[in-house]
C-alpha atoms as a PDB file:
ATOM      1  CA  MET A   1     -38.039  38.516 -26.720  1.00  0.00           C
ATOM      2  CA  LEU A   2     -42.072  38.801 -26.428  1.00  0.00           C
ATOM      3  CA  VAL A   3     -43.939  37.413 -29.448  1.00  0.00           C
ATOM      4  CA  THR A   4     -47.484  37.062 -30.157  1.00  0.00           C
ATOM      5  CA  GLN A   5     -49.029  33.652 -29.502  1.00  0.00           C
ATOM      6  CA  ILE A   6     -52.504  32.845 -31.357  1.00  0.00           C
ATOM      7  CA  SER A   7     -54.725  30.189 -29.894  1.00  0.00           C
ATOM      8  CA  VAL A   8     -57.801  28.558 -31.306  1.00  0.00           C
ATOM      9  CA  SER A   9     -60.005  25.959 -29.903  1.00  0.00           C
ATOM     10  CA  LEU A  10     -61.022  23.320 -32.476  1.00  0.00           C
ATOM     11  CA  GLU A  11     -63.378  20.283 -32.611  1.00  0.00           C
ATOM     12  CA  ASN A  12     -61.516  17.233 -32.162  1.00  0.00           C
ATOM     13  CA  VAL A  13     -62.207  15.774 -35.241  1.00  0.00           C
ATOM     14  CA  PRO A  14     -60.175  14.684 -38.496  1.00  0.00           C
ATOM     15  CA  GLY A  15     -59.164  17.804 -40.760  1.00  0.00           C
ATOM     16  CA  ALA A  16     -59.734  20.458 -38.201  1.00  0.00           C
ATOM     17  CA  LEU A  17     -56.078  21.299 -37.930  1.00  0.00           C
ATOM     18  CA  MET A  18     -55.431  20.846 -41.543  1.00  0.00           C
ATOM     19  CA  ASN A  19     -58.005  23.330 -42.396  1.00  0.00           C
ATOM     20  CA  ILE A  20     -56.186  26.120 -40.179  1.00  0.00           C
ATOM     21  CA  SER A  21     -52.867  25.097 -41.690  1.00  0.00           C
ATOM     22  CA  GLU A  22     -54.662  25.323 -45.216  1.00  0.00           C
ATOM     23  CA  ILE A  23     -56.118  28.766 -44.477  1.00  0.00           C
ATOM     24  CA  LEU A  24     -53.122  30.331 -43.387  1.00  0.00           C
ATOM     25  CA  GLY A  25     -50.812  28.722 -45.685  1.00  0.00           C
ATOM     26  CA  ARG A  26     -52.998  29.892 -48.719  1.00  0.00           C
ATOM     27  CA  GLU A  27     -52.737  33.453 -47.565  1.00  0.00           C
ATOM     28  CA  GLY A  28     -49.025  33.413 -47.431  1.00  0.00           C
ATOM     29  CA  VAL A  29     -49.011  33.181 -43.348  1.00  0.00           C
ATOM     30  CA  ASN A  30     -46.216  30.947 -42.072  1.00  0.00           C
ATOM     31  CA  ILE A  31     -46.575  29.125 -38.733  1.00  0.00           C
ATOM     32  CA  ARG A  32     -43.049  29.185 -37.049  1.00  0.00           C
ATOM     33  CA  ALA A  33     -43.998  27.295 -33.926  1.00  0.00           C
ATOM     34  CA  ILE A  34     -47.117  25.005 -33.035  1.00  0.00           C
ATOM     35  CA  SER A  35     -48.515  23.080 -30.065  1.00  0.00           C
ATOM     36  CA  VAL A  36     -51.733  21.036 -30.006  1.00  0.00           C
ATOM     37  CA  ALA A  37     -53.366  19.947 -26.855  1.00  0.00           C
ATOM     38  CA  ASP A  38     -56.297  17.958 -26.807  1.00  0.00           C
ATOM     39  CA  THR A  39     -59.183  16.715 -24.553  1.00  0.00           C
ATOM     40  CA  SER A  40     -61.716  14.406 -25.750  1.00  0.00           C
ATOM     41  CA  ASP A  41     -63.872  16.827 -27.502  1.00  0.00           C
ATOM     42  CA  ILE A  42     -61.920  19.899 -27.933  1.00  0.00           C
ATOM     43  CA  SER A  43     -58.085  20.520 -28.918  1.00  0.00           C
ATOM     44  CA  THR A  44     -56.358  23.698 -28.280  1.00  0.00           C
ATOM     45  CA  VAL A  45     -53.920  24.888 -30.793  1.00  0.00           C
ATOM     46  CA  ARG A  46     -51.280  27.563 -30.020  1.00  0.00           C
ATOM     47  CA  PHE A  47     -49.218  28.721 -32.740  1.00  0.00           C
ATOM     48  CA  VAL A  48     -46.706  31.587 -33.593  1.00  0.00           C
ATOM     49  CA  VAL A  49     -46.483  32.937 -37.169  1.00  0.00           C
ATOM     50  CA  ASP A  50     -44.558  35.292 -39.255  1.00  0.00           C
ATOM     51  CA  ASP A  51     -47.651  37.954 -39.416  1.00  0.00           C
ATOM     52  CA  PRO A  52     -49.939  37.508 -36.375  1.00  0.00           C
ATOM     53  CA  ALA A  53     -52.170  40.677 -37.406  1.00  0.00           C
ATOM     54  CA  LYS A  54     -52.939  39.113 -40.968  1.00  0.00           C
ATOM     55  CA  ALA A  55     -53.338  35.582 -39.335  1.00  0.00           C
ATOM     56  CA  ILE A  56     -55.773  36.919 -36.756  1.00  0.00           C
ATOM     57  CA  ASN A  57     -57.642  38.653 -39.475  1.00  0.00           C
ATOM     58  CA  ILE A  58     -57.873  35.577 -41.728  1.00  0.00           C
ATOM     59  CA  LEU A  59     -58.976  33.313 -38.847  1.00  0.00           C
ATOM     60  CA  LYS A  60     -61.565  35.537 -37.782  1.00  0.00           C
ATOM     61  CA  GLY A  61     -62.718  35.728 -41.427  1.00  0.00           C
ATOM     62  CA  ASN A  62     -63.164  32.101 -41.651  1.00  0.00           C
ATOM     63  CA  GLY A  63     -65.182  32.003 -38.565  1.00  0.00           C
ATOM     64  CA  TYR A  64     -62.492  31.046 -35.777  1.00  0.00           C
ATOM     65  CA  ALA A  65     -62.268  32.869 -32.547  1.00  0.00           C
ATOM     66  CA  PRO A  66     -58.491  33.452 -32.184  1.00  0.00           C
ATOM     67  CA  ARG A  67     -56.771  34.747 -28.963  1.00  0.00           C
ATOM     68  CA  GLU A  68     -53.829  36.661 -28.574  1.00  0.00           C
ATOM     69  CA  THR A  69     -51.275  35.988 -25.918  1.00  0.00           C
ATOM     70  CA  GLN A  70     -47.636  37.305 -25.371  1.00  0.00           C
ATOM     71  CA  VAL A  71     -45.246  34.728 -25.081  1.00  0.00           C
ATOM     72  CA  LEU A  72     -41.501  34.303 -24.977  1.00  0.00           C
ATOM     73  CA  ALA A  73     -39.410  33.066 -27.418  1.00  0.00           C
ATOM     74  CA  VAL A  74     -36.162  32.102 -26.001  1.00  0.00           C
ATOM     75  CA  GLU A  75     -32.700  30.603 -27.603  1.00  0.00           C
ATOM     76  CA  THR A  76     -31.722  27.566 -25.742  1.00  0.00           C
ATOM     77  CA  PRO A  77     -28.514  25.268 -26.078  1.00  0.00           C
ATOM     78  CA  ASP A  78     -29.211  22.284 -28.091  1.00  0.00           C
ATOM     79  CA  HIS A  79     -27.633  19.561 -26.164  1.00  0.00           C
ATOM     80  CA  PRO A  80     -28.731  17.207 -23.381  1.00  0.00           C
ATOM     81  CA  GLY A  81     -29.524  19.153 -20.392  1.00  0.00           C
ATOM     82  CA  GLY A  82     -29.488  22.371 -22.488  1.00  0.00           C
ATOM     83  CA  LEU A  83     -33.101  23.664 -21.559  1.00  0.00           C
ATOM     84  CA  ILE A  84     -31.740  23.902 -17.801  1.00  0.00           C
ATOM     85  CA  ALA A  85     -30.193  27.267 -18.984  1.00  0.00           C
ATOM     86  CA  VAL A  86     -33.742  28.535 -19.413  1.00  0.00           C
ATOM     87  CA  LEU A  87     -35.673  26.533 -16.765  1.00  0.00           C
ATOM     88  CA  LYS A  88     -33.033  27.058 -13.761  1.00  0.00           C
ATOM     89  CA  PRO A  89     -33.150  30.771 -13.856  1.00  0.00           C
ATOM     90  CA  LEU A  90     -37.076  31.063 -14.070  1.00  0.00           C
ATOM     91  CA  ARG A  91     -37.256  28.411 -11.084  1.00  0.00           C
ATOM     92  CA  SER A  92     -34.842  30.508  -9.043  1.00  0.00           C
ATOM     93  CA  SER A  93     -36.979  33.602  -9.511  1.00  0.00           C
ATOM     94  CA  GLY A  94     -40.196  31.722  -8.648  1.00  0.00           C
ATOM     95  CA  ILE A  95     -41.556  31.945 -12.431  1.00  0.00           C
ATOM     96  CA  ASN A  96     -44.024  29.035 -13.257  1.00  0.00           C
ATOM     97  CA  VAL A  97     -43.773  27.700 -16.764  1.00  0.00           C
ATOM     98  CA  HIS A  98     -47.382  26.761 -17.924  1.00  0.00           C
ATOM     99  CA  TYR A  99     -46.109  25.042 -21.162  1.00  0.00           C
ATOM    100  CA  LEU A 100     -43.206  25.146 -23.530  1.00  0.00           C
ATOM    101  CA  TYR A 101     -42.840  24.122 -27.248  1.00  0.00           C
ATOM    102  CA  PRO A 102     -40.433  24.043 -29.968  1.00  0.00           C
ATOM    103  CA  HIS A 103     -40.040  27.001 -32.516  1.00  0.00           C
ATOM    104  CA  LEU A 104     -39.170  25.549 -35.981  1.00  0.00           C
ATOM    105  CA  GLY A 105     -36.176  27.954 -36.538  1.00  0.00           C
ATOM    106  CA  ARG A 106     -32.590  27.741 -35.144  1.00  0.00           C
ATOM    107  CA  ILE A 107     -29.975  30.279 -34.293  1.00  0.00           C
ATOM    108  CA  SER A 108     -26.602  28.519 -35.031  1.00  0.00           C
ATOM    109  CA  ASN A 109     -26.429  25.453 -33.050  1.00  0.00           C
ATOM    110  CA  ASN A 110     -29.094  26.721 -30.609  1.00  0.00           C
ATOM    111  CA  ALA A 111     -32.741  25.560 -30.576  1.00  0.00           C
ATOM    112  CA  ILE A 112     -35.626  28.105 -29.783  1.00  0.00           C
ATOM    113  CA  VAL A 113     -38.489  27.516 -27.674  1.00  0.00           C
ATOM    114  CA  ILE A 114     -41.821  29.236 -26.915  1.00  0.00           C
ATOM    115  CA  LEU A 115     -42.708  29.614 -23.320  1.00  0.00           C
ATOM    116  CA  GLY A 116     -45.758  30.492 -21.610  1.00  0.00           C
ATOM    117  CA  VAL A 117     -45.062  31.475 -18.001  1.00  0.00           C
ATOM    118  CA  ASP A 118     -47.071  33.141 -15.258  1.00  0.00           C
ATOM    119  CA  ASN A 119     -45.288  36.523 -15.331  1.00  0.00           C
ATOM    120  CA  THR A 120     -44.097  37.207 -18.955  1.00  0.00           C
ATOM    121  CA  GLU A 121     -42.297  40.451 -18.347  1.00  0.00           C
ATOM    122  CA  GLU A 122     -40.206  39.371 -15.220  1.00  0.00           C
ATOM    123  CA  ALA A 123     -39.275  36.104 -17.134  1.00  0.00           C
ATOM    124  CA  GLN A 124     -37.965  37.908 -19.929  1.00  0.00           C
ATOM    125  CA  LYS A 125     -35.909  40.359 -17.395  1.00  0.00           C
ATOM    126  CA  VAL A 126     -34.525  37.058 -15.864  1.00  0.00           C
ATOM    127  CA  LEU A 127     -33.710  35.457 -18.888  1.00  0.00           C
ATOM    128  CA  GLN A 128     -32.156  38.612 -20.585  1.00  0.00           C
ATOM    129  CA  GLN A 129     -29.960  38.946 -17.378  1.00  0.00           C
ATOM    130  CA  ASN A 130     -28.952  35.185 -17.289  1.00  0.00           C
ATOM    131  CA  TRP A 131     -28.064  35.134 -21.164  1.00  0.00           C
ATOM    132  CA  VAL A 132     -26.108  38.094 -21.101  1.00  0.00           C
ATOM    133  CA  ARG A 133     -24.078  36.555 -17.964  1.00  0.00           C
ATOM    134  CA  THR A 134     -23.898  32.805 -19.296  1.00  0.00           C
ATOM    135  CA  LEU A 135     -23.973  32.658 -22.961  1.00  0.00           C
ATOM    136  CA  GLY A 136     -23.229  36.394 -24.069  1.00  0.00           C
ATOM    137  CA  LYS A 137     -26.576  36.527 -25.860  1.00  0.00           C
ATOM    138  CA  GLU A 138     -29.930  38.038 -25.393  1.00  0.00           C
ATOM    139  CA  VAL A 139     -33.276  36.483 -25.387  1.00  0.00           C
ATOM    140  CA  TYR A 140     -33.737  35.649 -29.108  1.00  0.00           C
ATOM    141  CA  SER A 141     -36.071  37.947 -31.289  1.00  0.00           C
ATOM    142  CA  ILE A 142     -38.032  36.330 -34.206  1.00  0.00           C
END
């Protein structure tokens, strides 16, 4: 399922990430998935929340410059090699995975991952077809 990912760039200093969490938490926005990638000076924080519009307004109101991107939230088997169920059909279709990070939720015994790919709409179609064929389930919807 397509979901909205919010990204912000932060100075790579102690407390910068905590400030984002504190601001959103104080306003009742729950972070459901998060990834932090750093360089020596700047960290890029990518996250999925339960209320993207509210989170964007809060972040802008606190001086941040959030960016929105559509990404996929995908259910995957939670066992050794289970991620292949997601990655193999993407590779077979020539879709490149730019990044992947875990969602904090679960569906029964399956994990959920957030995928940033080079062709989001095509990836969604490929994964829906694959899930229906192999697991009898659709791409997960948050």
